[in-house]
């Protein structure tokens, strides 16, 4: 979607990256590696975005660093557009993931919902991990840090739920997005609110 607006895949990747790393500075080779883009393409787009006013640069011994100009007149509009597009992409990917056979529970949490949990994606069920790989990689492109994900068998998840496992209860006690939940009947229709989460809430 953003490629159609900004007219370049490389430019879109750079804008996304800087909108998710507002306080950081990066040099060209570092960006080329992180974004998997050619040096010439990176250099051209960085120059364009600096001339446009979205980026600043500063010279340090042997390197030129780029960072976001948060005083740029269109900064807020561009940032909001990028973040909204990332949310739309995540939901589209979540819809595709939900169709994978054997999936019983899929929850987005952690960095995806600004929750202080120990994982970002919880996947429960008898699934082939490789099938999730490309989706998880795609979601990770929209996060400011490495995506953490956890696979559990249905039996392991239900056991952890029953014994008030902190890892599981932290997920439910904080902000989360439940994409797939086929386990309600397995816990005898007992609502999650019936479990004692108070110990894990601040």
N, C-alpha and C. Protein backbone atom coordinates (compact mmCIF):
# COMPACT_ATOMS: atom_id res chain seq x y z
N UNK A 1 0.82 -1.20 0.00
CA UNK A 1 0.00 0.00 0.00
C UNK A 1 0.86 1.26 0.00
N UNK A 2 1.84 1.33 0.92
CA UNK A 2 2.69 2.51 1.00
C UNK A 2 3.55 2.68 -0.24
N UNK A 3 3.92 1.55 -0.87
CA UNK A 3 4.72 1.64 -2.10
C UNK A 3 3.98 2.44 -3.17
N UNK A 4 2.66 2.29 -3.22
CA UNK A 4 1.87 3.01 -4.21
C UNK A 4 1.82 4.50 -3.88
N UNK A 5 1.87 4.83 -2.59
CA UNK A 5 1.82 6.24 -2.18
C UNK A 5 3.18 6.91 -2.37
N UNK A 6 4.23 6.23 -1.91
CA UNK A 6 5.57 6.84 -1.95
C UNK A 6 6.34 6.53 -3.22
N UNK A 7 5.85 5.60 -4.03
CA UNK A 7 6.41 5.37 -5.35
C UNK A 7 7.69 4.59 -5.42
N UNK A 8 8.14 4.00 -4.31
CA UNK A 8 9.40 3.27 -4.31
C UNK A 8 9.44 2.31 -3.13
N UNK A 9 9.80 1.06 -3.41
CA UNK A 9 9.92 0.08 -2.33
C UNK A 9 11.02 0.46 -1.36
N UNK A 10 12.16 0.90 -1.91
CA UNK A 10 13.28 1.30 -1.06
C UNK A 10 12.91 2.49 -0.18
N UNK A 11 12.26 3.48 -0.75
CA UNK A 11 11.85 4.66 0.02
C UNK A 11 10.87 4.28 1.12
N UNK A 12 9.95 3.38 0.80
CA UNK A 12 8.96 2.93 1.78
C UNK A 12 9.63 2.21 2.95
N UNK A 13 10.57 1.32 2.63
CA UNK A 13 11.30 0.60 3.68
C UNK A 13 12.04 1.55 4.60
N UNK A 14 12.68 2.56 4.01
CA UNK A 14 13.45 3.53 4.79
C UNK A 14 12.53 4.36 5.69
N UNK A 15 11.41 4.81 5.15
CA UNK A 15 10.47 5.59 5.94
C UNK A 15 9.92 4.77 7.11
N UNK A 16 9.55 3.52 6.84
CA UNK A 16 9.07 2.65 7.92
C UNK A 16 10.12 2.50 9.00
N UNK A 17 11.34 2.23 8.56
CA UNK A 17 12.44 1.98 9.50
C UNK A 17 12.68 3.18 10.40
N UNK A 18 12.75 4.37 9.82
CA UNK A 18 13.04 5.56 10.62
C UNK A 18 11.86 5.94 11.51
N UNK A 19 10.64 5.67 11.06
CA UNK A 19 9.47 5.96 11.90
C UNK A 19 9.41 5.06 13.12
N UNK A 20 10.08 3.91 13.04
CA UNK A 20 10.12 2.98 14.17
C UNK A 20 11.39 3.14 15.01
N UNK A 21 12.30 3.99 14.54
CA UNK A 21 13.56 4.24 15.26
C UNK A 21 13.80 5.74 15.31
N UNK A 22 12.87 6.45 15.93
CA UNK A 22 12.88 7.91 15.90
C UNK A 22 14.07 8.53 16.62
N UNK A 23 14.62 7.83 17.60
CA UNK A 23 15.68 8.43 18.41
C UNK A 23 17.08 7.98 17.99
N UNK A 24 17.16 7.14 16.97
CA UNK A 24 18.44 6.52 16.61
C UNK A 24 19.06 7.12 15.35
N UNK A 25 20.38 6.92 15.20
CA UNK A 25 21.12 7.38 14.03
C UNK A 25 21.74 6.17 13.34
N UNK A 26 21.74 6.19 12.00
CA UNK A 26 22.22 5.04 11.24
C UNK A 26 23.10 5.49 10.08
N UNK A 27 24.10 4.66 9.76
CA UNK A 27 24.92 4.95 8.59
C UNK A 27 24.51 4.04 7.43
N UNK A 28 24.96 4.36 6.25
CA UNK A 28 24.43 3.75 5.03
C UNK A 28 24.58 2.23 5.01
N UNK A 29 25.76 1.72 5.31
CA UNK A 29 25.97 0.27 5.25
C UNK A 29 25.10 -0.47 6.28
N UNK A 30 24.90 0.15 7.40
CA UNK A 30 24.04 -0.44 8.43
C UNK A 30 22.61 -0.55 7.91
N UNK A 31 22.12 0.49 7.26
CA UNK A 31 20.77 0.48 6.70
C UNK A 31 20.65 -0.53 5.56
N UNK A 32 21.69 -0.60 4.74
CA UNK A 32 21.69 -1.55 3.63
C UNK A 32 21.55 -2.97 4.13
N UNK A 33 22.26 -3.28 5.22
CA UNK A 33 22.20 -4.62 5.80
C UNK A 33 20.84 -4.89 6.45
N UNK A 34 20.36 -3.95 7.25
CA UNK A 34 19.11 -4.15 7.98
C UNK A 34 17.89 -4.20 7.07
N UNK A 35 17.92 -3.45 5.98
CA UNK A 35 16.77 -3.37 5.09
C UNK A 35 16.92 -4.22 3.84
N UNK A 36 18.08 -4.86 3.69
CA UNK A 36 18.34 -5.72 2.53
C UNK A 36 18.17 -4.95 1.22
N UNK A 37 18.82 -3.80 1.16
CA UNK A 37 18.76 -2.95 -0.03
C UNK A 37 20.18 -2.66 -0.52
N UNK A 38 20.30 -2.41 -1.82
CA UNK A 38 21.59 -2.09 -2.41
C UNK A 38 22.09 -0.73 -1.93
N UNK A 39 23.40 -0.59 -1.80
CA UNK A 39 23.98 0.66 -1.31
C UNK A 39 23.58 1.87 -2.16
N UNK A 40 23.63 1.70 -3.47
CA UNK A 40 23.30 2.81 -4.35
C UNK A 40 21.85 3.25 -4.18
N UNK A 41 20.97 2.27 -4.01
CA UNK A 41 19.55 2.57 -3.81
C UNK A 41 19.34 3.29 -2.48
N UNK A 42 20.00 2.81 -1.43
CA UNK A 42 19.91 3.43 -0.11
C UNK A 42 20.42 4.86 -0.16
N UNK A 43 21.58 5.04 -0.76
CA UNK A 43 22.22 6.37 -0.80
C UNK A 43 21.32 7.37 -1.54
N UNK A 44 20.75 6.95 -2.66
CA UNK A 44 19.89 7.83 -3.45
C UNK A 44 18.65 8.25 -2.66
N UNK A 45 18.01 7.29 -1.99
CA UNK A 45 16.79 7.59 -1.26
C UNK A 45 17.07 8.43 -0.01
N UNK A 46 18.19 8.17 0.65
CA UNK A 46 18.55 8.97 1.82
C UNK A 46 18.79 10.43 1.43
N UNK A 47 19.46 10.63 0.31
CA UNK A 47 19.69 11.99 -0.18
C UNK A 47 18.37 12.67 -0.51
N UNK A 48 17.45 11.93 -1.14
CA UNK A 48 16.14 12.48 -1.48
C UNK A 48 15.36 12.88 -0.23
N UNK A 49 15.37 12.00 0.79
CA UNK A 49 14.63 12.27 2.02
C UNK A 49 15.27 13.39 2.83
N UNK A 50 16.59 13.53 2.72
CA UNK A 50 17.25 14.65 3.40
C UNK A 50 16.91 15.97 2.70
N UNK A 51 16.94 15.97 1.39
CA UNK A 51 16.57 17.18 0.63
C UNK A 51 15.11 17.54 0.86
N UNK A 52 14.28 16.53 1.04
CA UNK A 52 12.85 16.73 1.29
C UNK A 52 12.62 17.34 2.67
N UNK A 53 13.54 17.04 3.61
CA UNK A 53 13.43 17.58 4.96
C UNK A 53 13.07 16.57 6.02
N UNK A 54 12.78 15.32 5.61
CA UNK A 54 12.38 14.31 6.57
C UNK A 54 13.56 13.80 7.40
N UNK A 55 14.76 13.81 6.81
CA UNK A 55 15.96 13.33 7.50
C UNK A 55 16.99 14.44 7.66
N UNK A 56 17.79 14.30 8.71
CA UNK A 56 19.00 15.08 8.91
C UNK A 56 20.18 14.14 8.75
N UNK A 57 21.35 14.69 8.55
CA UNK A 57 22.56 13.88 8.53
C UNK A 57 23.66 14.61 9.28
N UNK A 58 24.63 13.85 9.76
CA UNK A 58 25.79 14.46 10.40
C UNK A 58 27.01 13.60 10.11
N UNK A 59 28.13 14.26 9.91
CA UNK A 59 29.37 13.57 9.60
C UNK A 59 30.12 13.23 10.89
N UNK A 60 30.58 11.99 10.97
CA UNK A 60 31.46 11.55 12.04
C UNK A 60 32.65 10.89 11.36
N UNK A 61 33.77 10.71 12.06
CA UNK A 61 34.97 10.17 11.41
C UNK A 61 34.70 8.91 10.61
N UNK A 62 34.81 9.04 9.29
CA UNK A 62 34.66 7.89 8.41
C UNK A 62 33.23 7.48 8.09
N UNK A 63 32.23 8.13 8.69
CA UNK A 63 30.85 7.73 8.47
C UNK A 63 29.92 8.94 8.43
N UNK A 64 28.83 8.76 7.70
CA UNK A 64 27.78 9.77 7.66
C UNK A 64 26.51 9.15 8.22
N UNK A 65 25.99 9.73 9.29
CA UNK A 65 24.82 9.19 9.97
C UNK A 65 23.57 9.97 9.59
N UNK A 66 22.45 9.23 9.52
CA UNK A 66 21.15 9.83 9.20
C UNK A 66 20.19 9.61 10.37
N UNK A 67 19.33 10.59 10.60
CA UNK A 67 18.32 10.47 11.65
C UNK A 67 17.11 11.34 11.29
N UNK A 68 16.00 11.08 11.97
CA UNK A 68 14.74 11.74 11.63
C UNK A 68 14.74 13.20 12.10
N UNK A 69 14.24 14.07 11.24
CA UNK A 69 13.98 15.46 11.59
C UNK A 69 12.55 15.55 12.12
N UNK A 70 12.40 15.47 13.44
CA UNK A 70 11.06 15.46 14.02
C UNK A 70 10.39 16.83 14.01
N UNK A 71 11.12 17.85 13.56
CA UNK A 71 10.54 19.18 13.40
C UNK A 71 10.07 19.44 11.98
N UNK A 72 10.25 18.46 11.12
CA UNK A 72 9.80 18.59 9.73
C UNK A 72 8.29 18.81 9.71
N UNK A 73 7.82 19.70 8.86
CA UNK A 73 6.41 20.12 8.86
C UNK A 73 5.44 18.97 8.61
N UNK A 74 5.86 17.94 7.86
CA UNK A 74 4.98 16.82 7.56
C UNK A 74 5.32 15.56 8.36
N UNK A 75 6.18 15.73 9.36
CA UNK A 75 6.64 14.56 10.12
C UNK A 75 5.48 13.78 10.74
N UNK A 76 4.59 14.46 11.44
CA UNK A 76 3.48 13.78 12.13
C UNK A 76 2.59 13.04 11.15
N UNK A 77 2.29 13.67 10.02
CA UNK A 77 1.42 13.05 9.03
C UNK A 77 2.05 11.79 8.44
N UNK A 78 3.35 11.87 8.13
CA UNK A 78 4.04 10.70 7.56
C UNK A 78 4.12 9.58 8.59
N UNK A 79 4.49 9.92 9.83
CA UNK A 79 4.59 8.90 10.87
C UNK A 79 3.25 8.19 11.09
N UNK A 80 2.17 8.96 11.19
CA UNK A 80 0.85 8.35 11.41
C UNK A 80 0.44 7.47 10.24
N UNK A 81 0.75 7.90 9.04
CA UNK A 81 0.42 7.11 7.86
C UNK A 81 1.17 5.79 7.87
N UNK A 82 2.45 5.84 8.20
CA UNK A 82 3.27 4.64 8.26
C UNK A 82 2.76 3.68 9.32
N UNK A 83 2.48 4.19 10.53
CA UNK A 83 2.03 3.33 11.62
C UNK A 83 0.67 2.72 11.34
N UNK A 84 -0.22 3.47 10.72
CA UNK A 84 -1.53 2.92 10.36
C UNK A 84 -1.40 1.83 9.32
N UNK A 85 -0.52 2.02 8.36
CA UNK A 85 -0.33 1.01 7.32
C UNK A 85 0.25 -0.27 7.90
N UNK A 86 1.14 -0.12 8.91
CA UNK A 86 1.71 -1.30 9.57
C UNK A 86 0.63 -2.09 10.29
N UNK A 87 -0.30 -1.39 10.93
CA UNK A 87 -1.39 -2.06 11.63
C UNK A 87 -2.28 -2.82 10.65
N UNK A 88 -2.55 -2.21 9.49
CA UNK A 88 -3.37 -2.87 8.47
C UNK A 88 -2.65 -4.11 7.94
N UNK A 89 -1.35 -3.99 7.71
CA UNK A 89 -0.57 -5.13 7.22
C UNK A 89 -0.58 -6.27 8.23
N UNK A 90 -0.42 -5.94 9.51
CA UNK A 90 -0.42 -6.96 10.55
C UNK A 90 -1.74 -7.73 10.58
N UNK A 91 -2.85 -7.01 10.44
CA UNK A 91 -4.15 -7.68 10.48
C UNK A 91 -4.36 -8.55 9.24
N UNK A 92 -3.85 -8.09 8.11
CA UNK A 92 -3.94 -8.89 6.89
C UNK A 92 -3.14 -10.18 7.04
N UNK A 93 -1.94 -10.05 7.57
CA UNK A 93 -1.08 -11.22 7.79
C UNK A 93 -1.71 -12.15 8.83
N UNK A 94 -2.30 -11.55 9.87
CA UNK A 94 -2.96 -12.35 10.90
C UNK A 94 -4.08 -13.19 10.30
N UNK A 95 -4.82 -12.60 9.36
CA UNK A 95 -5.89 -13.34 8.70
C UNK A 95 -5.36 -14.54 7.92
N UNK A 96 -4.21 -14.37 7.30
CA UNK A 96 -3.60 -15.48 6.57
C UNK A 96 -3.09 -16.55 7.53
N UNK A 97 -2.49 -16.13 8.64
CA UNK A 97 -1.98 -17.07 9.62
C UNK A 97 -3.12 -17.89 10.24
N UNK A 98 -4.27 -17.28 10.41
CA UNK A 98 -5.39 -17.95 11.08
C UNK A 98 -5.90 -19.15 10.29
N UNK A 99 -5.54 -19.24 9.02
CA UNK A 99 -6.03 -20.33 8.17
C UNK A 99 -5.10 -21.55 8.19
N UNK A 100 -3.97 -21.44 8.88
CA UNK A 100 -3.02 -22.55 8.92
C UNK A 100 -3.61 -23.72 9.70
N UNK A 101 -3.62 -24.93 9.14
CA UNK A 101 -4.21 -26.10 9.80
C UNK A 101 -3.56 -26.39 11.15
N UNK A 102 -4.38 -26.82 12.11
CA UNK A 102 -3.89 -27.24 13.41
C UNK A 102 -3.78 -26.13 14.44
N UNK A 103 -4.05 -24.88 14.03
CA UNK A 103 -3.91 -23.74 14.94
C UNK A 103 -5.09 -23.68 15.90
N UNK A 104 -4.79 -23.60 17.21
CA UNK A 104 -5.84 -23.51 18.22
C UNK A 104 -5.94 -22.13 18.85
N UNK A 105 -4.80 -21.44 18.96
CA UNK A 105 -4.79 -20.13 19.59
C UNK A 105 -3.67 -19.29 19.00
N UNK A 106 -3.97 -18.06 18.64
CA UNK A 106 -2.97 -17.12 18.11
C UNK A 106 -3.20 -15.77 18.75
N UNK A 107 -2.19 -15.29 19.48
CA UNK A 107 -2.31 -14.02 20.19
C UNK A 107 -1.12 -13.14 19.85
N UNK A 108 -1.40 -11.86 19.55
CA UNK A 108 -0.37 -10.84 19.39
C UNK A 108 -0.27 -10.09 20.71
N UNK A 109 0.94 -9.89 21.19
CA UNK A 109 1.15 -9.20 22.46
C UNK A 109 2.54 -8.54 22.42
N UNK A 110 3.12 -8.25 23.57
CA UNK A 110 4.48 -7.70 23.59
C UNK A 110 4.64 -6.43 22.79
N UNK A 111 5.66 -6.40 21.95
CA UNK A 111 5.96 -5.21 21.16
C UNK A 111 4.84 -4.85 20.19
N UNK A 112 4.00 -5.82 19.83
CA UNK A 112 2.90 -5.57 18.89
C UNK A 112 1.74 -4.84 19.54
N UNK A 113 1.68 -4.85 20.88
CA UNK A 113 0.60 -4.15 21.59
C UNK A 113 1.12 -3.28 22.73
N UNK A 114 2.45 -3.07 22.75
CA UNK A 114 3.08 -2.30 23.82
C UNK A 114 2.82 -2.90 25.19
N UNK A 115 2.89 -4.22 25.28
CA UNK A 115 2.66 -4.92 26.54
C UNK A 115 3.99 -5.47 27.08
N UNK A 116 4.22 -5.42 28.40
CA UNK A 116 5.47 -5.91 29.00
C UNK A 116 5.46 -7.42 29.20
N UNK A 117 5.31 -8.15 28.13
CA UNK A 117 5.27 -9.61 28.21
C UNK A 117 6.57 -10.21 27.67
N UNK A 118 6.71 -11.52 27.85
CA UNK A 118 7.96 -12.19 27.47
C UNK A 118 7.96 -12.72 26.05
N UNK A 119 6.89 -12.48 25.32
CA UNK A 119 6.82 -12.89 23.92
C UNK A 119 5.96 -11.90 23.16
N UNK A 120 6.04 -11.92 21.85
CA UNK A 120 5.25 -11.02 21.01
C UNK A 120 4.14 -11.75 20.26
N UNK A 121 4.36 -13.02 19.98
CA UNK A 121 3.36 -13.83 19.30
C UNK A 121 3.28 -15.19 20.00
N UNK A 122 2.08 -15.57 20.45
CA UNK A 122 1.87 -16.88 21.05
C UNK A 122 1.08 -17.74 20.07
N UNK A 123 1.64 -18.90 19.74
CA UNK A 123 1.03 -19.81 18.77
C UNK A 123 0.81 -21.15 19.47
N UNK A 124 -0.43 -21.57 19.57
CA UNK A 124 -0.78 -22.81 20.27
C UNK A 124 -1.46 -23.76 19.29
N UNK A 125 -1.01 -25.02 19.31
CA UNK A 125 -1.64 -26.03 18.47
C UNK A 125 -0.62 -26.95 17.83
N UNK A 126 -1.12 -27.89 17.09
CA UNK A 126 -0.26 -28.83 16.37
C UNK A 126 -0.05 -28.28 14.97
N UNK A 127 0.97 -27.46 14.83
CA UNK A 127 1.21 -26.75 13.58
C UNK A 127 2.63 -27.00 13.10
N UNK A 128 2.83 -26.74 11.82
CA UNK A 128 4.17 -26.81 11.25
C UNK A 128 4.82 -25.42 11.38
N UNK A 129 5.89 -25.35 12.14
CA UNK A 129 6.51 -24.06 12.43
C UNK A 129 6.96 -23.33 11.17
N UNK A 130 7.40 -24.11 10.18
CA UNK A 130 7.90 -23.49 8.95
C UNK A 130 6.81 -22.70 8.23
N UNK A 131 5.56 -23.15 8.38
CA UNK A 131 4.45 -22.45 7.71
C UNK A 131 4.26 -21.05 8.27
N UNK A 132 4.64 -20.86 9.54
CA UNK A 132 4.51 -19.54 10.15
C UNK A 132 5.69 -18.64 9.83
N UNK A 133 6.79 -19.24 9.37
CA UNK A 133 8.02 -18.50 9.19
C UNK A 133 7.89 -17.26 8.35
N UNK A 134 7.30 -17.38 7.18
CA UNK A 134 7.22 -16.22 6.27
C UNK A 134 6.31 -15.14 6.82
N UNK A 135 5.26 -15.55 7.56
CA UNK A 135 4.36 -14.56 8.14
C UNK A 135 5.03 -13.82 9.28
N UNK A 136 5.73 -14.56 10.14
CA UNK A 136 6.43 -13.94 11.25
C UNK A 136 7.53 -12.99 10.76
N UNK A 137 8.20 -13.39 9.69
CA UNK A 137 9.24 -12.53 9.10
C UNK A 137 8.63 -11.23 8.58
N UNK A 138 7.45 -11.34 7.98
CA UNK A 138 6.78 -10.16 7.44
C UNK A 138 6.35 -9.22 8.56
N UNK A 139 5.80 -9.78 9.63
CA UNK A 139 5.39 -8.96 10.77
C UNK A 139 6.61 -8.28 11.39
N UNK A 140 7.73 -9.00 11.45
CA UNK A 140 8.94 -8.47 12.08
C UNK A 140 9.46 -7.24 11.35
N UNK A 141 9.14 -7.09 10.06
CA UNK A 141 9.58 -5.92 9.31
C UNK A 141 8.97 -4.64 9.86
N UNK A 142 7.86 -4.78 10.59
CA UNK A 142 7.19 -3.60 11.12
C UNK A 142 7.43 -3.39 12.60
N UNK A 143 8.45 -4.01 13.15
CA UNK A 143 8.73 -3.85 14.57
C UNK A 143 10.10 -3.22 14.78
N UNK A 144 10.27 -2.43 15.85
CA UNK A 144 11.54 -1.76 16.09
C UNK A 144 12.61 -2.67 16.67
N UNK A 145 12.28 -3.90 17.00
CA UNK A 145 13.25 -4.83 17.56
C UNK A 145 12.93 -6.24 17.07
N UNK A 146 13.80 -7.17 17.39
CA UNK A 146 13.61 -8.55 16.93
C UNK A 146 12.33 -9.13 17.51
N UNK A 147 11.53 -9.77 16.65
CA UNK A 147 10.26 -10.33 17.07
C UNK A 147 10.47 -11.61 17.85
N UNK A 148 9.80 -11.72 19.01
CA UNK A 148 9.86 -12.92 19.84
C UNK A 148 8.56 -13.71 19.64
N UNK A 149 8.68 -15.00 19.41
CA UNK A 149 7.47 -15.80 19.26
C UNK A 149 7.62 -17.12 19.99
N UNK A 150 6.48 -17.66 20.43
CA UNK A 150 6.46 -18.87 21.25
C UNK A 150 5.46 -19.87 20.69
N UNK A 151 5.92 -21.11 20.47
CA UNK A 151 5.05 -22.21 20.06
C UNK A 151 4.79 -23.10 21.27
N UNK A 152 3.52 -23.42 21.52
CA UNK A 152 3.16 -24.35 22.58
C UNK A 152 2.18 -25.39 22.04
N UNK A 153 2.27 -26.60 22.57
CA UNK A 153 1.24 -27.59 22.25
C UNK A 153 -0.03 -27.22 23.00
N UNK A 154 -1.16 -27.72 22.56
CA UNK A 154 -2.41 -27.43 23.23
C UNK A 154 -2.39 -27.93 24.67
N UNK A 155 -1.82 -29.11 24.87
CA UNK A 155 -1.77 -29.68 26.21
C UNK A 155 -0.91 -28.83 27.15
N UNK A 156 0.22 -28.36 26.62
CA UNK A 156 1.12 -27.53 27.43
C UNK A 156 0.44 -26.22 27.81
N UNK A 157 -0.24 -25.61 26.84
CA UNK A 157 -0.93 -24.35 27.11
C UNK A 157 -2.00 -24.52 28.17
N UNK A 158 -2.85 -25.55 28.05
CA UNK A 158 -3.94 -25.77 29.00
C UNK A 158 -3.40 -26.07 30.40
N UNK A 159 -2.30 -26.79 30.45
CA UNK A 159 -1.67 -27.08 31.75
C UNK A 159 -1.16 -25.79 32.39
N UNK A 160 -0.48 -24.98 31.60
CA UNK A 160 0.04 -23.71 32.12
C UNK A 160 -1.10 -22.80 32.58
N UNK A 161 -2.19 -22.82 31.83
CA UNK A 161 -3.35 -22.01 32.19
C UNK A 161 -3.91 -22.46 33.54
N UNK A 162 -3.99 -23.76 33.75
CA UNK A 162 -4.57 -24.32 34.96
C UNK A 162 -3.73 -24.05 36.20
N UNK A 163 -2.41 -24.03 36.05
CA UNK A 163 -1.54 -23.85 37.23
C UNK A 163 -1.14 -22.38 37.45
N UNK A 164 -1.80 -21.49 36.73
CA UNK A 164 -1.52 -20.06 36.86
C UNK A 164 -0.07 -19.73 36.53
N UNK A 165 0.36 -20.24 35.39
CA UNK A 165 1.72 -19.99 34.91
C UNK A 165 1.90 -18.50 34.59
N UNK A 166 2.95 -17.89 35.12
CA UNK A 166 3.14 -16.45 34.97
C UNK A 166 3.29 -16.02 33.51
N UNK A 167 4.00 -16.82 32.72
CA UNK A 167 4.20 -16.49 31.31
C UNK A 167 2.86 -16.31 30.59
N UNK A 168 1.95 -17.26 30.79
CA UNK A 168 0.65 -17.21 30.14
C UNK A 168 -0.22 -16.10 30.71
N UNK A 169 -0.22 -15.95 32.01
CA UNK A 169 -1.09 -14.97 32.62
C UNK A 169 -0.65 -13.54 32.39
N UNK A 170 0.64 -13.33 32.20
CA UNK A 170 1.10 -12.00 31.80
C UNK A 170 0.51 -11.61 30.45
N UNK A 171 0.40 -12.57 29.56
CA UNK A 171 -0.16 -12.30 28.23
C UNK A 171 -1.61 -11.86 28.35
N UNK A 172 -2.39 -12.58 29.16
CA UNK A 172 -3.81 -12.25 29.30
C UNK A 172 -4.04 -11.02 30.18
N UNK A 173 -3.13 -10.74 31.09
CA UNK A 173 -3.32 -9.62 32.01
C UNK A 173 -3.00 -8.27 31.37
N UNK A 174 -2.28 -8.28 30.25
CA UNK A 174 -1.91 -7.04 29.58
C UNK A 174 -2.57 -6.95 28.20
N UNK A 175 -2.32 -5.85 27.53
CA UNK A 175 -2.94 -5.61 26.22
C UNK A 175 -2.55 -6.71 25.24
N UNK A 176 -3.55 -7.25 24.53
CA UNK A 176 -3.28 -8.31 23.56
C UNK A 176 -4.32 -8.28 22.45
N UNK A 177 -4.01 -8.94 21.36
CA UNK A 177 -4.95 -9.10 20.26
C UNK A 177 -5.13 -10.59 20.01
N UNK A 178 -6.32 -11.09 20.26
CA UNK A 178 -6.61 -12.50 20.06
C UNK A 178 -7.07 -12.68 18.61
N UNK A 179 -6.24 -13.32 17.82
CA UNK A 179 -6.55 -13.52 16.40
C UNK A 179 -7.38 -14.78 16.20
N UNK A 180 -6.99 -15.85 16.87
CA UNK A 180 -7.69 -17.13 16.80
C UNK A 180 -7.83 -17.70 18.21
N UNK A 181 -9.03 -18.17 18.56
CA UNK A 181 -9.23 -18.84 19.84
C UNK A 181 -10.23 -19.98 19.66
N UNK A 182 -9.71 -21.19 19.58
CA UNK A 182 -10.55 -22.37 19.44
C UNK A 182 -10.54 -23.22 20.72
N UNK A 183 -10.07 -22.61 21.82
CA UNK A 183 -9.88 -23.38 23.05
C UNK A 183 -10.96 -23.15 24.10
N UNK A 184 -11.91 -22.29 23.83
CA UNK A 184 -12.93 -21.97 24.82
C UNK A 184 -13.66 -23.23 25.30
N UNK A 185 -14.03 -24.09 24.36
CA UNK A 185 -14.75 -25.31 24.74
C UNK A 185 -13.85 -26.26 25.53
N UNK A 186 -12.55 -26.19 25.27
CA UNK A 186 -11.61 -27.10 25.93
C UNK A 186 -11.43 -26.76 27.41
N UNK A 187 -11.73 -25.52 27.77
CA UNK A 187 -11.62 -25.15 29.19
C UNK A 187 -13.02 -25.08 29.80
N UNK A 188 -13.94 -25.89 29.21
CA UNK A 188 -15.30 -26.07 29.76
C UNK A 188 -16.05 -24.76 29.87
N UNK A 189 -15.84 -23.94 28.82
CA UNK A 189 -16.54 -22.65 28.71
C UNK A 189 -16.28 -21.73 29.90
N UNK A 190 -15.22 -22.00 30.61
CA UNK A 190 -14.86 -21.14 31.74
C UNK A 190 -14.21 -19.88 31.21
N UNK A 191 -14.75 -18.73 31.48
CA UNK A 191 -14.21 -17.48 30.96
C UNK A 191 -12.84 -17.20 31.56
N UNK A 192 -12.00 -16.58 30.78
CA UNK A 192 -10.66 -16.28 31.27
C UNK A 192 -10.70 -15.34 32.46
N UNK A 193 -11.75 -14.49 32.53
CA UNK A 193 -11.86 -13.58 33.66
C UNK A 193 -12.14 -14.31 34.96
N UNK A 194 -12.59 -15.57 34.87
CA UNK A 194 -12.84 -16.36 36.08
C UNK A 194 -11.55 -16.79 36.74
N UNK A 195 -10.45 -16.80 35.98
CA UNK A 195 -9.16 -17.15 36.56
C UNK A 195 -8.61 -15.95 37.33
N UNK A 196 -7.72 -16.20 38.24
CA UNK A 196 -7.19 -15.14 39.08
C UNK A 196 -5.98 -14.48 38.42
N UNK A 197 -6.23 -13.30 37.83
CA UNK A 197 -5.15 -12.56 37.18
C UNK A 197 -4.58 -11.48 38.09
N UNK A 198 -5.20 -11.24 39.22
CA UNK A 198 -4.85 -10.08 40.04
C UNK A 198 -3.39 -10.10 40.46
N UNK A 199 -2.86 -11.26 40.71
CA UNK A 199 -1.47 -11.37 41.16
C UNK A 199 -0.51 -10.82 40.12
N UNK A 200 -0.92 -10.86 38.85
CA UNK A 200 -0.01 -10.47 37.77
C UNK A 200 -0.28 -9.05 37.27
N UNK A 201 -1.32 -8.42 37.76
CA UNK A 201 -1.61 -7.06 37.35
C UNK A 201 -0.90 -6.08 38.29
N UNK A 202 -0.44 -5.01 37.71
CA UNK A 202 0.23 -3.99 38.54
C UNK A 202 -0.82 -3.09 39.20
